[in-house]
Amino acid sequence: MIVSAVAVAAIVWFGLRSRGKEFEWEVFRATFADMHWGWFTIGVLLVLVTYLGRAIRWQVMLRPVKPKSSLWNLLTATTIGFTAVVLFGRAGELVRPYLIATKERVSFSSQVAAWFLERIYDLLSVLLLFGFALAQITTSSTKVTGPLETVLRLGGHTAGALATLCLALLVTFGLFPNFVEKRLYGALEVLPERFRSSIQGLVSGFLSGTSSTRQGGIVVLLVVYTFCEWLIIVASFLCIFKAIPITQGLGVVDTLIVVGFVAFGSAVQIPGIGGGMQVATVVVLTELFKVPLESASGIAILIWAVTFVSIVPIGLVLAVRDGLEWRKLMNVKEMKAL
């Protein structure tokens, strides 16, 4: 959380310095002076619903290796896993697959594969929504014209191309697992024998985790659940914008643009799951929607807190309830021992 605040403070400081201005705390405070708490509450509730959606989607991915998994176990692992990411940054990413593997008695490598598959589906959905928003940028509140409009439209086409690449990866890993396995095993031939066998076992477990895409019905469910997941995220952002007076005029297309930039910014994480997301929020709000830098910085911190920090109290309670020790969860060697 401290790192996140420092990241936002840095971008604000550089922005104000380049404009020869001082930080206006009155503008910062006025941003939230007349918040609509009804819209804000709905936004928080929608964010919490997304964690349930992630657990349901993971349950679908588990079907090939565990046809009857416990939704409660998956929801608990998801909540604790995201709490670990907030507290420890990227180092906490493996907590969720580790807990799911432990609770459902499946291999850890298969759940790492499911996590990887989830990321691909998320990226695919973000790219599609983002690409659509950029294609409709002339109807948004940005009112951009000239070279910038051309660049953003090109970005929309690029997003579509990347989405197609993601789809190709899903098809390759899911429909042609034997081909992928042979290629990977062939690449491992250069390794010494004592390392090769253990790595081949890891590869087999990884491919078993992506085997859910072999079944057409499951693929459709994953696509639908992922798309719905991101629609809920967009809806939560829209509610937060409606709750803040200065962003009440932003519409659905505007929100899609913000979510797209924020999602890509989240890929550049600093420990504490901060930095990239907040910087992206500040930049897009100030440069595209002309929101004052002081207001944009406050909104960036608020969105981060609602999107990620809101789950932390619940995750901590569940972790205590399960008797988990954070040091043990963060020990990668113990995870690999599964």
Protein backbone atom coordinates (compact mmCIF):
# COMPACT_ATOMS: atom_id res chain seq x y z
CA MET A 1 0.00 0.00 0.00
CA ILE A 2 2.89 2.36 0.80
CA VAL A 3 4.53 1.61 -2.56
CA SER A 4 1.24 2.37 -4.32
CA ALA A 5 0.98 5.74 -2.62
CA VAL A 6 4.60 6.54 -3.56
CA ALA A 7 3.95 5.59 -7.20
CA VAL A 8 0.93 7.87 -7.44
CA ALA A 9 2.74 10.65 -5.58
CA ALA A 10 5.62 10.40 -8.07
CA ILE A 11 3.41 10.72 -11.14
CA VAL A 12 1.52 13.63 -9.57
CA TRP A 13 4.75 15.39 -8.60
CA PHE A 14 6.24 15.04 -12.09
CA GLY A 15 2.98 16.12 -13.68
CA LEU A 16 2.64 19.23 -11.55
CA ARG A 17 6.30 20.12 -11.90
CA SER A 18 6.07 19.93 -15.70
CA ARG A 19 3.15 22.36 -15.56
CA GLY A 20 4.75 24.65 -13.02
CA LYS A 21 1.99 24.14 -10.47
CA GLU A 22 1.67 23.24 -6.80
CA PHE A 23 -0.53 20.40 -5.57
CA GLU A 24 -3.93 21.87 -4.73
CA TRP A 25 -5.23 19.93 -1.75
CA GLU A 26 -8.53 21.76 -1.91
CA VAL A 27 -9.19 20.30 -5.37
CA PHE A 28 -8.21 16.86 -4.06
CA ARG A 29 -10.67 17.11 -1.16
CA ALA A 30 -13.43 18.61 -3.29
CA THR A 31 -13.28 15.57 -5.58
CA PHE A 32 -14.97 13.45 -2.92
CA ALA A 33 -16.94 16.16 -1.12
CA ASP A 34 -20.34 15.27 -2.58
CA MET A 35 -19.92 11.57 -3.32
CA HIS A 36 -23.06 9.59 -4.03
CA TRP A 37 -22.69 6.76 -1.51
CA GLY A 38 -25.40 4.68 -3.14
CA TRP A 39 -23.49 4.39 -6.41
CA PHE A 40 -20.25 3.82 -4.51
CA THR A 41 -21.75 0.98 -2.44
CA ILE A 42 -23.05 -0.72 -5.57
CA GLY A 43 -19.59 -0.43 -7.11
CA VAL A 44 -17.97 -2.12 -4.10
CA LEU A 45 -20.56 -4.91 -4.07
CA LEU A 46 -20.02 -5.56 -7.78
CA VAL A 47 -16.27 -5.88 -7.18
CA LEU A 48 -16.88 -8.46 -4.45
CA VAL A 49 -19.17 -10.38 -6.83
CA THR A 50 -16.27 -10.70 -9.29
CA TYR A 51 -14.36 -12.84 -6.78
CA LEU A 52 -17.27 -15.27 -6.69
CA GLY A 53 -17.27 -15.23 -10.48
CA ARG A 54 -13.59 -16.14 -10.54
CA ALA A 55 -14.22 -19.08 -8.22
CA ILE A 56 -17.07 -20.34 -10.44
CA ARG A 57 -14.88 -20.05 -13.53
CA TRP A 58 -12.06 -21.94 -11.83
CA GLN A 59 -14.54 -24.67 -10.95
CA VAL A 60 -15.21 -25.08 -14.67
CA MET A 61 -11.48 -25.35 -15.39
CA LEU A 62 -11.19 -28.01 -12.68
CA ARG A 63 -13.75 -30.34 -14.26
CA PRO A 64 -11.29 -32.45 -16.30
CA VAL A 65 -9.17 -33.26 -13.21
CA LYS A 66 -11.83 -32.88 -10.47
CA PRO A 67 -15.42 -33.16 -11.82
CA LYS A 68 -16.99 -32.40 -8.44
CA SER A 69 -15.04 -29.66 -6.72
CA SER A 70 -16.16 -27.54 -3.77
CA LEU A 71 -17.18 -23.99 -4.72
CA TRP A 72 -16.60 -22.90 -1.11
CA ASN A 73 -13.01 -24.19 -1.20
CA LEU A 74 -12.42 -22.35 -4.46
CA LEU A 75 -14.00 -19.14 -3.17
CA THR A 76 -11.92 -19.29 0.01
CA ALA A 77 -8.72 -19.93 -1.93
CA THR A 78 -9.55 -17.12 -4.35
CA THR A 79 -10.20 -14.64 -1.56
CA ILE A 80 -7.05 -15.55 0.37
CA GLY A 81 -5.03 -15.65 -2.86
CA PHE A 82 -5.95 -12.12 -3.87
CA THR A 83 -5.31 -10.94 -0.32
CA ALA A 84 -1.80 -12.40 -0.60
CA VAL A 85 -1.26 -10.52 -3.87
CA VAL A 86 -2.27 -7.24 -2.23
CA LEU A 87 0.06 -7.88 0.73
CA PHE A 88 3.03 -9.41 -1.08
CA GLY A 89 2.73 -8.34 -4.72
CA ARG A 90 3.71 -10.79 -7.46
CA ALA A 91 5.15 -13.18 -4.89
CA GLY A 92 1.59 -13.93 -3.77
CA GLU A 93 0.36 -15.04 -7.19
CA LEU A 94 1.06 -18.72 -6.48
CA VAL A 95 -0.94 -18.77 -3.24
CA ARG A 96 -4.29 -19.27 -4.98
CA PRO A 97 -3.29 -22.27 -7.15
CA TYR A 98 -1.41 -23.71 -4.17
CA LEU A 99 -4.45 -23.53 -1.89
CA ILE A 100 -6.77 -24.93 -4.56
CA ALA A 101 -4.37 -27.82 -5.20
CA THR A 102 -4.20 -28.53 -1.48
CA LYS A 103 -7.92 -28.24 -0.76
CA GLU A 104 -9.06 -30.20 -3.83
CA ARG A 105 -6.18 -32.72 -3.76
CA VAL A 106 -4.99 -32.14 -7.32
CA SER A 107 -1.49 -31.43 -8.62
CA PHE A 108 -0.02 -27.99 -8.08
CA SER A 109 1.30 -27.84 -11.66
CA SER A 110 -2.20 -28.40 -13.06
CA GLN A 111 -3.49 -25.44 -11.04
CA VAL A 112 -0.63 -23.23 -12.16
CA ALA A 113 -1.72 -24.16 -15.68
CA ALA A 114 -5.31 -23.20 -14.81
CA TRP A 115 -4.03 -19.87 -13.48
CA PHE A 116 -2.16 -19.32 -16.75
CA LEU A 117 -5.28 -20.23 -18.71
CA GLU A 118 -7.33 -17.79 -16.64
CA ARG A 119 -4.88 -15.02 -17.49
CA ILE A 120 -5.22 -15.77 -21.20
CA TYR A 121 -9.02 -15.62 -21.03
CA ASP A 122 -8.83 -12.37 -19.06
CA LEU A 123 -6.43 -10.85 -21.55
CA LEU A 124 -8.64 -11.93 -24.44
CA SER A 125 -11.71 -10.30 -22.90
CA VAL A 126 -9.87 -7.09 -22.00
CA LEU A 127 -8.46 -6.79 -25.50
CA LEU A 128 -11.86 -7.30 -27.10
CA LEU A 129 -13.59 -4.75 -24.84
CA PHE A 130 -10.70 -2.30 -25.12
CA GLY A 131 -10.51 -2.67 -28.88
CA PHE A 132 -14.25 -2.03 -29.20
CA ALA A 133 -13.99 1.07 -27.00
CA LEU A 134 -11.10 2.51 -29.03
CA ALA A 135 -12.99 1.85 -32.25
CA GLN A 136 -15.84 3.95 -30.82
CA ILE A 137 -13.59 6.68 -29.41
CA THR A 138 -15.20 9.41 -31.52
CA THR A 139 -18.44 8.85 -29.59
CA SER A 140 -16.72 9.07 -26.20
CA SER A 141 -16.18 12.07 -23.95
CA THR A 142 -12.53 12.28 -24.95
CA LYS A 143 -13.32 14.22 -28.16
CA VAL A 144 -9.85 13.45 -29.49
CA THR A 145 -9.03 14.33 -33.08
CA GLY A 146 -6.12 14.32 -35.47
CA PRO A 147 -3.03 12.14 -34.93
CA LEU A 148 -4.08 11.02 -31.46
CA GLU A 149 -7.35 9.66 -32.79
CA THR A 150 -5.43 7.75 -35.46
CA VAL A 151 -3.06 6.31 -32.88
CA LEU A 152 -5.90 5.20 -30.62
CA ARG A 153 -7.77 3.63 -33.50
CA LEU A 154 -4.59 1.78 -34.46
CA GLY A 155 -4.38 0.64 -30.86
CA GLY A 156 -7.87 -0.80 -31.22
CA HIS A 157 -6.83 -2.82 -34.25
CA THR A 158 -3.71 -3.99 -32.42
CA ALA A 159 -5.84 -5.09 -29.48
CA GLY A 160 -7.96 -7.14 -31.86
CA ALA A 161 -4.86 -8.81 -33.30
CA LEU A 162 -3.58 -9.68 -29.83
CA ALA A 163 -7.00 -11.08 -28.92
CA THR A 164 -6.79 -13.33 -31.97
CA LEU A 165 -3.33 -14.49 -30.84
CA CYS A 166 -4.73 -15.35 -27.41
CA LEU A 167 -7.52 -17.36 -29.02
CA ALA A 168 -4.95 -19.21 -31.11
CA LEU A 169 -3.02 -20.11 -27.94
CA LEU A 170 -6.18 -21.45 -26.32
CA VAL A 171 -6.95 -23.59 -29.34
CA THR A 172 -3.37 -24.87 -29.59
CA PHE A 173 -3.04 -25.80 -25.91
CA GLY A 174 -6.52 -27.25 -25.66
CA LEU A 175 -7.23 -28.97 -28.95
CA PHE A 176 -3.70 -30.10 -29.76
CA PRO A 177 -2.17 -31.06 -26.38
CA ASN A 178 -0.24 -34.01 -27.83
CA PHE A 179 1.37 -31.82 -30.48
CA VAL A 180 2.34 -29.21 -27.90
CA GLU A 181 3.64 -31.92 -25.55
CA LYS A 182 5.82 -33.45 -28.27
CA ARG A 183 7.25 -30.06 -29.20
CA LEU A 184 8.03 -29.24 -25.59
CA TYR A 185 9.57 -32.64 -24.95
CA GLY A 186 11.68 -32.22 -28.08
CA ALA A 187 12.98 -28.93 -26.77
CA LEU A 188 13.90 -30.62 -23.47
CA GLU A 189 16.20 -33.12 -25.19
CA VAL A 190 19.10 -30.69 -24.81
CA LEU A 191 18.90 -30.98 -21.00
CA PRO A 192 20.77 -33.59 -18.94
CA GLU A 193 18.79 -36.75 -18.18
CA ARG A 194 18.59 -36.07 -14.44
CA PHE A 195 16.73 -32.80 -15.07
CA ARG A 196 14.70 -33.93 -18.05
CA SER A 197 12.43 -36.43 -16.28
CA SER A 198 11.36 -34.02 -13.55
CA ILE A 199 10.68 -31.23 -16.03
CA GLN A 200 8.70 -33.59 -18.25
CA GLY A 201 6.50 -34.42 -15.28
CA LEU A 202 5.92 -30.71 -14.73
CA VAL A 203 5.03 -30.25 -18.41
CA SER A 204 2.54 -33.13 -18.27
CA GLY A 205 0.85 -31.63 -15.21
CA PHE A 206 0.77 -28.23 -16.90
CA LEU A 207 -0.90 -29.61 -20.01
CA SER A 208 -3.44 -31.50 -17.90
CA GLY A 209 -4.43 -28.18 -16.37
CA THR A 210 -5.13 -26.71 -19.80
CA SER A 211 -7.08 -29.78 -20.90
CA SER A 212 -10.39 -28.08 -20.11
CA THR A 213 -10.27 -26.46 -23.54
CA ARG A 214 -10.57 -29.85 -25.23
CA GLN A 215 -14.29 -29.89 -24.54
CA GLY A 216 -16.30 -27.45 -26.63
CA GLY A 217 -18.97 -26.93 -23.96
CA ILE A 218 -16.38 -25.99 -21.35
CA VAL A 219 -14.70 -23.56 -23.73
CA VAL A 220 -18.03 -21.81 -24.28
CA LEU A 221 -18.64 -21.62 -20.53
CA LEU A 222 -15.19 -20.17 -19.89
CA VAL A 223 -15.67 -17.54 -22.59
CA VAL A 224 -19.12 -16.59 -21.28
CA TYR A 225 -18.01 -16.48 -17.62
CA THR A 226 -14.92 -14.44 -18.46
CA PHE A 227 -16.86 -11.97 -20.57
CA CYS A 228 -19.47 -11.58 -17.81
CA GLU A 229 -16.67 -11.15 -15.27
CA TRP A 230 -15.27 -8.18 -17.14
CA LEU A 231 -18.68 -6.69 -17.80
CA ILE A 232 -19.20 -6.67 -14.02
CA ILE A 233 -15.80 -5.01 -13.58
CA VAL A 234 -16.75 -2.36 -16.12
CA ALA A 235 -20.08 -1.87 -14.31
CA SER A 236 -18.27 -1.42 -10.99
CA PHE A 237 -15.98 1.24 -12.51
CA LEU A 238 -19.01 2.98 -14.01
CA CYS A 239 -20.73 3.04 -10.60
CA ILE A 240 -17.63 4.54 -8.99
CA PHE A 241 -17.48 7.21 -11.69
CA LYS A 242 -21.18 7.97 -11.15
CA ALA A 243 -20.48 8.33 -7.43
CA ILE A 244 -17.83 11.03 -7.96
CA PRO A 245 -19.18 14.41 -9.15
CA ILE A 246 -16.30 15.21 -11.50
CA THR A 247 -16.64 11.90 -13.41
CA GLN A 248 -20.44 11.57 -13.41
CA GLY A 249 -20.53 12.49 -17.09
CA LEU A 250 -18.44 9.49 -18.17
CA GLY A 251 -20.45 6.88 -20.06
CA VAL A 252 -20.04 3.21 -20.90
CA VAL A 253 -17.57 3.73 -23.75
CA ASP A 254 -15.52 6.09 -21.59
CA THR A 255 -15.46 3.50 -18.82
CA LEU A 256 -14.37 0.79 -21.25
CA ILE A 257 -11.45 2.96 -22.32
CA VAL A 258 -10.41 3.55 -18.71
CA VAL A 259 -10.74 -0.14 -17.80
CA GLY A 260 -8.66 -1.11 -20.83
CA PHE A 261 -5.80 1.21 -19.91
CA VAL A 262 -6.02 0.25 -16.24
CA ALA A 263 -5.96 -3.47 -17.08
CA PHE A 264 -2.80 -3.05 -19.12
CA GLY A 265 -1.32 -0.85 -16.43
CA SER A 266 -1.96 -3.62 -13.91
CA ALA A 267 0.41 -5.84 -15.89
CA VAL A 268 3.23 -3.55 -14.72
CA GLN A 269 2.95 -4.30 -11.03
CA ILE A 270 4.97 -3.05 -8.12
CA PRO A 271 4.88 -5.07 -4.87
CA GLY A 272 1.63 -4.29 -3.14
CA ILE A 273 -0.24 -4.60 -6.47
CA GLY A 274 0.18 -0.91 -6.95
CA GLY A 275 1.94 1.50 -9.20
CA GLY A 276 1.09 0.46 -12.74
CA MET A 277 -2.66 0.50 -12.23
CA GLN A 278 -2.68 3.86 -10.46
CA VAL A 279 -0.35 5.51 -12.94
CA ALA A 280 -2.46 4.27 -15.86
CA THR A 281 -5.60 5.64 -14.20
CA VAL A 282 -4.02 9.04 -13.59
CA VAL A 283 -2.68 9.29 -17.13
CA VAL A 284 -5.90 8.30 -18.92
CA LEU A 285 -8.10 10.54 -16.74
CA THR A 286 -5.87 13.60 -17.11
CA GLU A 287 -4.78 13.24 -20.72
CA LEU A 288 -7.94 11.88 -22.35
CA PHE A 289 -10.71 13.18 -20.09
CA LYS A 290 -9.02 16.38 -18.84
CA VAL A 291 -9.63 15.59 -15.17
CA PRO A 292 -7.44 17.73 -12.87
CA LEU A 293 -4.32 15.90 -11.76
CA GLU A 294 -5.24 16.20 -8.08
CA SER A 295 -8.67 14.66 -8.69
CA ALA A 296 -7.27 11.96 -10.97
CA SER A 297 -4.73 10.91 -8.33
CA GLY A 298 -7.46 10.58 -5.70
CA ILE A 299 -9.71 8.63 -8.05
CA ALA A 300 -6.80 6.30 -8.94
CA ILE A 301 -6.20 5.47 -5.28
CA LEU A 302 -9.93 5.00 -4.67
CA ILE A 303 -10.33 2.62 -7.62
CA TRP A 304 -7.32 0.58 -6.49
CA ALA A 305 -8.68 0.39 -2.95
CA VAL A 306 -12.14 -0.70 -4.12
CA THR A 307 -10.84 -3.19 -6.70
CA PHE A 308 -8.22 -4.93 -4.57
CA VAL A 309 -8.02 -3.75 -0.97
CA SER A 310 -11.74 -4.30 -0.32
CA ILE A 311 -11.18 -8.07 -0.32
CA VAL A 312 -8.30 -7.97 2.20
CA PRO A 313 -10.37 -7.97 5.44
CA ILE A 314 -12.40 -10.94 4.21
CA GLY A 315 -9.25 -12.76 3.09
CA LEU A 316 -7.54 -12.23 6.43
CA VAL A 317 -10.57 -13.55 8.33
CA LEU A 318 -10.73 -16.65 6.13
CA ALA A 319 -6.99 -17.22 6.47
CA VAL A 320 -7.22 -17.07 10.28
CA ARG A 321 -10.26 -19.36 10.15
CA ASP A 322 -8.28 -21.93 8.14
CA GLY A 323 -5.28 -21.60 10.46
CA LEU A 324 -2.96 -20.55 7.65
CA GLU A 325 0.51 -19.14 8.21
CA TRP A 326 1.59 -16.50 5.70
CA ARG A 327 5.25 -17.49 5.93
CA LYS A 328 4.38 -21.02 4.92
CA LEU A 329 2.22 -19.81 2.04
CA MET A 330 5.06 -17.69 0.71
CA ASN A 331 7.55 -20.61 0.78
CA VAL A 332 7.79 -21.59 -2.87
CA LYS A 333 9.80 -24.72 -2.08
CA GLU A 334 6.96 -26.09 0.04
CA MET A 335 4.53 -25.37 -2.80
CA LYS A 336 6.69 -27.27 -5.26
CA ALA A 337 6.69 -30.24 -2.92
CA LEU A 338 3.09 -31.02 -3.86
